[in-house]
Amino acid sequence: MDVALSNAIINTATNMASAKTSDAVNITMLKKALDMQQATATTMIDAMVQAMPQPPLATSGALGTQVNTFA
């Protein structure tokens, strides 16, 4: 058996195992980053809703109380 071939096979197997571990770490970090972005976005949206309350909907009168549609 050729020693160079054996070394190449061992190096390839080691690199593949290392890449698999590296990919798992990268995916975990991506998930954490997305969770942090979600928390930040939720906080910003909540702050906007509190800062700019929506006016109440119209309950009487001609504007905003009737829907006029044509097909």
PDB file of N, CA and C in Angstrom:
ATOM      1  N   MET A   1       0.841  -1.176   0.000  1.00  0.00           N
ATOM      2  CA  MET A   1       0.000   0.000   0.000  1.00  0.00           C
ATOM      3  C   MET A   1       0.886   1.240   0.000  1.00  0.00           C
ATOM      4  N   ASP A   2       0.493   2.203  -0.789  1.00  0.00           N
ATOM      5  CA  ASP A   2       1.262   3.427  -0.931  1.00  0.00           C
ATOM      6  C   ASP A   2       1.030   4.321   0.293  1.00  0.00           C
ATOM      7  N   VAL A   3       2.141   4.780   0.910  1.00  0.00           N
ATOM      8  CA  VAL A   3       2.057   5.604   2.113  1.00  0.00           C
ATOM      9  C   VAL A   3       1.443   6.969   1.786  1.00  0.00           C
ATOM     10  N   ALA A   4       1.773   7.533   0.647  1.00  0.00           N
ATOM     11  CA  ALA A   4       1.237   8.832   0.253  1.00  0.00           C
ATOM     12  C   ALA A   4      -0.281   8.749   0.090  1.00  0.00           C
ATOM     13  N   LEU A   5      -0.765   7.641  -0.483  1.00  0.00           N
ATOM     14  CA  LEU A   5      -2.200   7.461  -0.649  1.00  0.00           C
ATOM     15  C   LEU A   5      -2.883   7.342   0.706  1.00  0.00           C
ATOM     16  N   SER A   6      -2.265   6.614   1.615  1.00  0.00           N
ATOM     17  CA  SER A   6      -2.829   6.464   2.962  1.00  0.00           C
ATOM     18  C   SER A   6      -2.886   7.823   3.668  1.00  0.00           C
ATOM     19  N   ASN A   7      -1.824   8.594   3.540  1.00  0.00           N
ATOM     20  CA  ASN A   7      -1.807   9.929   4.157  1.00  0.00           C
ATOM     21  C   ASN A   7      -2.869  10.835   3.541  1.00  0.00           C
ATOM     22  N   ALA A   8      -3.063  10.739   2.251  1.00  0.00           N
ATOM     23  CA  ALA A   8      -4.071  11.551   1.578  1.00  0.00           C
ATOM     24  C   ALA A   8      -5.471  11.182   2.065  1.00  0.00           C
ATOM     25  N   ILE A   9      -5.722   9.892   2.238  1.00  0.00           N
ATOM     26  CA  ILE A   9      -7.028   9.437   2.723  1.00  0.00           C
ATOM     27  C   ILE A   9      -7.258   9.922   4.151  1.00  0.00           C
ATOM     28  N   ILE A  10      -6.233   9.807   4.972  1.00  0.00           N
ATOM     29  CA  ILE A  10      -6.343  10.257   6.370  1.00  0.00           C
ATOM     30  C   ILE A  10      -6.568  11.763   6.431  1.00  0.00           C
ATOM     31  N   ASN A  11      -5.825  12.522   5.631  1.00  0.00           N
ATOM     32  CA  ASN A  11      -5.987  13.982   5.610  1.00  0.00           C
ATOM     33  C   ASN A  11      -7.378  14.381   5.133  1.00  0.00           C
ATOM     34  N   THR A  12      -7.874  13.698   4.127  1.00  0.00           N
ATOM     35  CA  THR A  12      -9.208  13.991   3.614  1.00  0.00           C
ATOM     36  C   THR A  12     -10.270  13.715   4.674  1.00  0.00           C
ATOM     37  N   ALA A  13     -10.154  12.579   5.355  1.00  0.00           N
ATOM     38  CA  ALA A  13     -11.116  12.232   6.403  1.00  0.00           C
ATOM     39  C   ALA A  13     -11.061  13.247   7.549  1.00  0.00           C
ATOM     40  N   THR A  14      -9.862  13.651   7.919  1.00  0.00           N
ATOM     41  CA  THR A  14      -9.705  14.640   8.994  1.00  0.00           C
ATOM     42  C   THR A  14     -10.303  15.977   8.593  1.00  0.00           C
ATOM     43  N   ASN A  15     -10.054  16.406   7.368  1.00  0.00           N
ATOM     44  CA  ASN A  15     -10.599  17.670   6.879  1.00  0.00           C
ATOM     45  C   ASN A  15     -12.122  17.639   6.811  1.00  0.00           C
ATOM     46  N   MET A  16     -12.683  16.497   6.404  1.00  0.00           N
ATOM     47  CA  MET A  16     -14.140  16.384   6.331  1.00  0.00           C
ATOM     48  C   MET A  16     -14.761  16.448   7.727  1.00  0.00           C
ATOM     49  N   ALA A  17     -14.143  15.796   8.699  1.00  0.00           N
ATOM     50  CA  ALA A  17     -14.658  15.837  10.070  1.00  0.00           C
ATOM     51  C   ALA A  17     -14.554  17.255  10.630  1.00  0.00           C
ATOM     52  N   SER A  18     -13.465  17.929  10.333  1.00  0.00           N
ATOM     53  CA  SER A  18     -13.281  19.303  10.788  1.00  0.00           C
ATOM     54  C   SER A  18     -14.306  20.231  10.136  1.00  0.00           C
ATOM     55  N   ALA A  19     -14.566  20.020   8.864  1.00  0.00           N
ATOM     56  CA  ALA A  19     -15.543  20.850   8.158  1.00  0.00           C
ATOM     57  C   ALA A  19     -16.936  20.631   8.726  1.00  0.00           C
ATOM     58  N   LYS A  20     -17.264  19.398   9.078  1.00  0.00           N
ATOM     59  CA  LYS A  20     -18.576  19.109   9.650  1.00  0.00           C
ATOM     60  C   LYS A  20     -18.747  19.837  10.980  1.00  0.00           C
ATOM     61  N   THR A  21     -17.708  19.807  11.817  1.00  0.00           N
ATOM     62  CA  THR A  21     -17.757  20.517  13.102  1.00  0.00           C
ATOM     63  C   THR A  21     -17.857  22.015  12.873  1.00  0.00           C
ATOM     64  N   SER A  22     -17.092  22.523  11.941  1.00  0.00           N
ATOM     65  CA  SER A  22     -17.110  23.948  11.629  1.00  0.00           C
ATOM     66  C   SER A  22     -18.494  24.379  11.128  1.00  0.00           C
ATOM     67  N   ASP A  23     -19.104  23.570  10.275  1.00  0.00           N
ATOM     68  CA  ASP A  23     -20.444  23.880   9.781  1.00  0.00           C
ATOM     69  C   ASP A  23     -21.453  23.915  10.920  1.00  0.00           C
ATOM     70  N   ALA A  24     -21.343  22.986  11.858  1.00  0.00           N
ATOM     71  CA  ALA A  24     -22.267  22.954  12.995  1.00  0.00           C
ATOM     72  C   ALA A  24     -22.115  24.214  13.848  1.00  0.00           C
ATOM     73  N   VAL A  25     -20.892  24.643  14.056  1.00  0.00           N
ATOM     74  CA  VAL A  25     -20.651  25.870  14.830  1.00  0.00           C
ATOM     75  C   VAL A  25     -21.201  27.081  14.086  1.00  0.00           C
ATOM     76  N   ASN A  26     -20.989  27.138  12.785  1.00  0.00           N
ATOM     77  CA  ASN A  26     -21.487  28.268  11.992  1.00  0.00           C
ATOM     78  C   ASN A  26     -23.013  28.333  12.016  1.00  0.00           C
ATOM     79  N   ILE A  27     -23.676  27.190  11.927  1.00  0.00           N
ATOM     80  CA  ILE A  27     -25.138  27.164  11.957  1.00  0.00           C
ATOM     81  C   ILE A  27     -25.649  27.619  13.324  1.00  0.00           C
ATOM     82  N   THR A  28     -24.987  27.178  14.377  1.00  0.00           N
ATOM     83  CA  THR A  28     -25.385  27.599  15.723  1.00  0.00           C
ATOM     84  C   THR A  28     -25.243  29.106  15.888  1.00  0.00           C
ATOM     85  N   MET A  29     -24.143  29.665  15.411  1.00  0.00           N
ATOM     86  CA  MET A  29     -23.939  31.107  15.508  1.00  0.00           C
ATOM     87  C   MET A  29     -24.969  31.869  14.664  1.00  0.00           C
ATOM     88  N   LEU A  30     -25.322  31.334  13.491  1.00  0.00           N
ATOM     89  CA  LEU A  30     -26.336  31.963  12.654  1.00  0.00           C
ATOM     90  C   LEU A  30     -27.682  31.977  13.364  1.00  0.00           C
ATOM     91  N   LYS A  31     -28.042  30.859  14.004  1.00  0.00           N
ATOM     92  CA  LYS A  31     -29.306  30.801  14.743  1.00  0.00           C
ATOM     93  C   LYS A  31     -29.333  31.824  15.875  1.00  0.00           C
ATOM     94  N   LYS A  32     -28.211  31.961  16.588  1.00  0.00           N
ATOM     95  CA  LYS A  32     -28.146  32.944  17.674  1.00  0.00           C
ATOM     96  C   LYS A  32     -28.267  34.364  17.136  1.00  0.00           C
ATOM     97  N   ALA A  33     -27.627  34.642  16.022  1.00  0.00           N
ATOM     98  CA  ALA A  33     -27.702  35.973  15.422  1.00  0.00           C
ATOM     99  C   ALA A  33     -29.130  36.280  14.972  1.00  0.00           C
ATOM    100  N   LEU A  34     -29.817  35.299  14.389  1.00  0.00           N
ATOM    101  CA  LEU A  34     -31.201  35.504  13.972  1.00  0.00           C
ATOM    102  C   LEU A  34     -32.118  35.717  15.166  1.00  0.00           C
ATOM    103  N   ASP A  35     -31.877  34.991  16.257  1.00  0.00           N
ATOM    104  CA  ASP A  35     -32.668  35.190  17.476  1.00  0.00           C
ATOM    105  C   ASP A  35     -32.475  36.602  18.028  1.00  0.00           C
ATOM    106  N   MET A  36     -31.234  37.085  17.996  1.00  0.00           N
ATOM    107  CA  MET A  36     -30.960  38.437  18.480  1.00  0.00           C
ATOM    108  C   MET A  36     -31.643  39.475  17.595  1.00  0.00           C
ATOM    109  N   GLN A  37     -31.634  39.265  16.277  1.00  0.00           N
ATOM    110  CA  GLN A  37     -32.300  40.189  15.368  1.00  0.00           C
ATOM    111  C   GLN A  37     -33.808  40.193  15.599  1.00  0.00           C
ATOM    112  N   GLN A  38     -34.363  39.011  15.858  1.00  0.00           N
ATOM    113  CA  GLN A  38     -35.795  38.927  16.123  1.00  0.00           C
ATOM    114  C   GLN A  38     -36.149  39.704  17.389  1.00  0.00           C
ATOM    115  N   ALA A  39     -35.355  39.546  18.422  1.00  0.00           N
ATOM    116  CA  ALA A  39     -35.615  40.255  19.677  1.00  0.00           C
ATOM    117  C   ALA A  39     -35.514  41.764  19.480  1.00  0.00           C
ATOM    118  N   THR A  40     -34.522  42.202  18.736  1.00  0.00           N
ATOM    119  CA  THR A  40     -34.351  43.632  18.469  1.00  0.00           C
ATOM    120  C   THR A  40     -35.518  44.176  17.652  1.00  0.00           C
ATOM    121  N   ALA A  41     -35.919  43.448  16.615  1.00  0.00           N
ATOM    122  CA  ALA A  41     -37.026  43.900  15.777  1.00  0.00           C
ATOM    123  C   ALA A  41     -38.329  43.954  16.574  1.00  0.00           C
ATOM    124  N   THR A  42     -38.555  42.967  17.420  1.00  0.00           N
ATOM    125  CA  THR A  42     -39.767  42.958  18.243  1.00  0.00           C
ATOM    126  C   THR A  42     -39.785  44.159  19.183  1.00  0.00           C
ATOM    127  N   THR A  43     -38.648  44.464  19.782  1.00  0.00           N
ATOM    128  CA  THR A  43     -38.552  45.618  20.680  1.00  0.00           C
ATOM    129  C   THR A  43     -38.825  46.914  19.920  1.00  0.00           C
ATOM    130  N   MET A  44     -38.270  47.036  18.720  1.00  0.00           N
ATOM    131  CA  MET A  44     -38.481  48.248  17.921  1.00  0.00           C
ATOM    132  C   MET A  44     -39.944  48.391  17.511  1.00  0.00           C
ATOM    133  N   ILE A  45     -40.567  47.312  17.107  1.00  0.00           N
ATOM    134  CA  ILE A  45     -41.974  47.376  16.693  1.00  0.00           C
ATOM    135  C   ILE A  45     -42.859  47.734  17.881  1.00  0.00           C
ATOM    136  N   ASP A  46     -42.586  47.131  19.033  1.00  0.00           N
ATOM    137  CA  ASP A  46     -43.365  47.466  20.239  1.00  0.00           C
ATOM    138  C   ASP A  46     -43.206  48.939  20.607  1.00  0.00           C
ATOM    139  N   ALA A  47     -41.989  49.468  20.483  1.00  0.00           N
ATOM    140  CA  ALA A  47     -41.755  50.875  20.793  1.00  0.00           C
ATOM    141  C   ALA A  47     -42.499  51.778  19.815  1.00  0.00           C
ATOM    142  N   MET A  48     -42.549  51.404  18.538  1.00  0.00           N
ATOM    143  CA  MET A  48     -43.264  52.206  17.553  1.00  0.00           C
ATOM    144  C   MET A  48     -44.762  52.196  17.826  1.00  0.00           C
ATOM    145  N   VAL A  49     -45.296  51.047  18.194  1.00  0.00           N
ATOM    146  CA  VAL A  49     -46.734  50.952  18.465  1.00  0.00           C
ATOM    147  C   VAL A  49     -47.094  51.821  19.660  1.00  0.00           C
ATOM    148  N   GLN A  50     -46.254  51.851  20.678  1.00  0.00           N
ATOM    149  CA  GLN A  50     -46.527  52.664  21.852  1.00  0.00           C
ATOM    150  C   GLN A  50     -46.367  54.148  21.551  1.00  0.00           C
ATOM    151  N   ALA A  51     -45.427  54.503  20.695  1.00  0.00           N
ATOM    152  CA  ALA A  51     -45.166  55.906  20.390  1.00  0.00           C
ATOM    153  C   ALA A  51     -46.216  56.487  19.446  1.00  0.00           C
ATOM    154  N   MET A  52     -46.757  55.661  18.572  1.00  0.00           N
ATOM    155  CA  MET A  52     -47.734  56.143  17.592  1.00  0.00           C
ATOM    156  C   MET A  52     -49.016  55.323  17.684  1.00  0.00           C
ATOM    157  N   PRO A  53     -49.860  55.612  18.665  1.00  0.00           N
ATOM    158  CA  PRO A  53     -51.105  54.842  18.765  1.00  0.00           C
ATOM    159  C   PRO A  53     -52.019  55.131  17.576  1.00  0.00           C
ATOM    160  N   GLN A  54     -52.742  54.129  17.152  1.00  0.00           N
ATOM    161  CA  GLN A  54     -53.645  54.267  16.019  1.00  0.00           C
ATOM    162  C   GLN A  54     -54.920  54.982  16.456  1.00  0.00           C
ATOM    163  N   PRO A  55     -55.435  55.880  15.617  1.00  0.00           N
ATOM    164  CA  PRO A  55     -56.699  56.544  15.958  1.00  0.00           C
ATOM    165  C   PRO A  55     -57.840  55.527  15.926  1.00  0.00           C
ATOM    166  N   PRO A  56     -58.889  55.776  16.685  1.00  0.00           N
ATOM    167  CA  PRO A  56     -60.013  54.837  16.677  1.00  0.00           C
ATOM    168  C   PRO A  56     -60.723  54.845  15.324  1.00  0.00           C
ATOM    169  N   LEU A  57     -61.324  53.730  14.984  1.00  0.00           N
ATOM    170  CA  LEU A  57     -62.057  53.629  13.723  1.00  0.00           C
ATOM    171  C   LEU A  57     -63.366  54.407  13.820  1.00  0.00           C
ATOM    172  N   ALA A  58     -63.812  54.884  12.677  1.00  0.00           N
ATOM    173  CA  ALA A  58     -65.068  55.639  12.629  1.00  0.00           C
ATOM    174  C   ALA A  58     -66.237  54.704  12.909  1.00  0.00           C
ATOM    175  N   THR A  59     -67.174  55.174  13.725  1.00  0.00           N
ATOM    176  CA  THR A  59     -68.359  54.368  14.047  1.00  0.00           C
ATOM    177  C   THR A  59     -69.644  55.046  13.599  1.00  0.00           C
ATOM    178  N   SER A  60     -69.550  56.311  13.222  1.00  0.00           N
ATOM    179  CA  SER A  60     -70.749  57.010  12.746  1.00  0.00           C
ATOM    180  C   SER A  60     -70.343  57.984  11.645  1.00  0.00           C
ATOM    181  N   GLY A  61     -71.316  58.406  10.856  1.00  0.00           N
ATOM    182  CA  GLY A  61     -71.039  59.354   9.785  1.00  0.00           C
ATOM    183  C   GLY A  61     -70.899  58.651   8.446  1.00  0.00           C
ATOM    184  N   ALA A  62     -70.664  59.472   7.409  1.00  0.00           N
ATOM    185  CA  ALA A  62     -70.598  58.933   6.050  1.00  0.00           C
ATOM    186  C   ALA A  62     -69.194  58.467   5.672  1.00  0.00           C
ATOM    187  N   LEU A  63     -68.173  58.961   6.331  1.00  0.00           N
ATOM    188  CA  LEU A  63     -66.798  58.589   5.979  1.00  0.00           C
ATOM    189  C   LEU A  63     -66.296  57.450   6.859  1.00  0.00           C
ATOM    190  N   GLY A  64     -65.826  56.415   6.218  1.00  0.00           N
ATOM    191  CA  GLY A  64     -65.188  55.324   6.942  1.00  0.00           C
ATOM    192  C   GLY A  64     -66.115  54.299   7.558  1.00  0.00           C
ATOM    193  N   THR A  65     -67.402  54.446   7.363  1.00  0.00           N
ATOM    194  CA  THR A  65     -68.318  53.490   7.962  1.00  0.00           C
ATOM    195  C   THR A  65     -69.028  52.632   6.935  1.00  0.00           C
ATOM    196  N   GLN A  66     -68.888  52.976   5.650  1.00  0.00           N
ATOM    197  CA  GLN A  66     -69.562  52.218   4.600  1.00  0.00           C
ATOM    198  C   GLN A  66     -68.548  51.795   3.541  1.00  0.00           C
ATOM    199  N   VAL A  67     -68.744  50.594   3.039  1.00  0.00           N
ATOM    200  CA  VAL A  67     -67.888  50.086   1.970  1.00  0.00           C
ATOM    201  C   VAL A  67     -68.727  50.048   0.709  1.00  0.00           C
ATOM    202  N   ASN A  68     -68.232  50.693  -0.340  1.00  0.00           N
ATOM    203  CA  ASN A  68     -68.958  50.769  -1.592  1.00  0.00           C
ATOM    204  C   ASN A  68     -68.125  50.026  -2.640  1.00  0.00           C
ATOM    205  N   THR A  69     -68.596  48.881  -3.117  1.00  0.00           N
ATOM    206  CA  THR A  69     -67.816  48.096  -4.073  1.00  0.00           C
ATOM    207  C   THR A  69     -68.612  47.879  -5.352  1.00  0.00           C
ATOM    208  N   PHE A  70     -67.899  47.801  -6.452  1.00  0.00           N
ATOM    209  CA  PHE A  70     -68.501  47.513  -7.765  1.00  0.00           C
ATOM    210  C   PHE A  70     -67.717  46.378  -8.399  1.00  0.00           C
ATOM    211  N   ALA A  71     -68.427  45.449  -9.001  1.00  0.00           N
ATOM    212  CA  ALA A  71     -67.753  44.328  -9.662  1.00  0.00           C
ATOM    213  C   ALA A  71     -67.639  44.573 -11.125  1.00  0.00           C
TER     214      ALA A  71
END
